[in-house]
């Protein structure tokens, strides 16, 4: 005679196991879909800073004291005026989201540290946030006014002798996420007056680097 109690228990257990497997598969699929949706959303608001193009319009940049410099397309400026050091480069955003510039670090070019990521503590905070629109162009500006600043003498000498500079920019998307660092080499332009800026390397701060 069949033990219907045992058969019923086994059938219930089997059904529960099937339901658990189906639930696990559904949750796993939903989790995968959620991750893909999140990655798509982040990619849609991720900025990527590159130098402005040579045919971009010049940028007229004004500093707090009223001093102005003009940055040509794909160009850079290192200007010493009344003892103050003024710097700027032209930028373009090749990404899909708005870029917000948060900080900068500049130093004379050094081959031995060219591919070393700068520490976040080394960045100077922008006095005001600079926004570069998606698929648009803009500029970065920075100034050193204190002659006792550790970078002052080196930058003043670079302005006189044309030394190449390494400029690091810390930026993010418009919500402050997806932070990245772009390193630019700012070199005297042999054919024209002023300097030109070219990207050397990128680092991601809040996610793994692509390399």
Foldseek 3Di string as FASTA:
>chain_A
DDPVVVVVVVVVVVVVVVVVVVVVVVVVVVVVVVVVVVVVVCQLAWWDKWFFAQPDQWDWDADPVGDIDIEGGLFKAFDADPQKTKIKGKMAIQGNHKKKWFWKAKAFDDPVCLPPDDDPVRTDGDPDIDIHGHRGMDMDMDMDRDCPPPRRVRSVVCNVPFGKMKMKIWITGPVPPFIKIWIWIWGADPVDGGTGIGTDDMATDHDHDPD
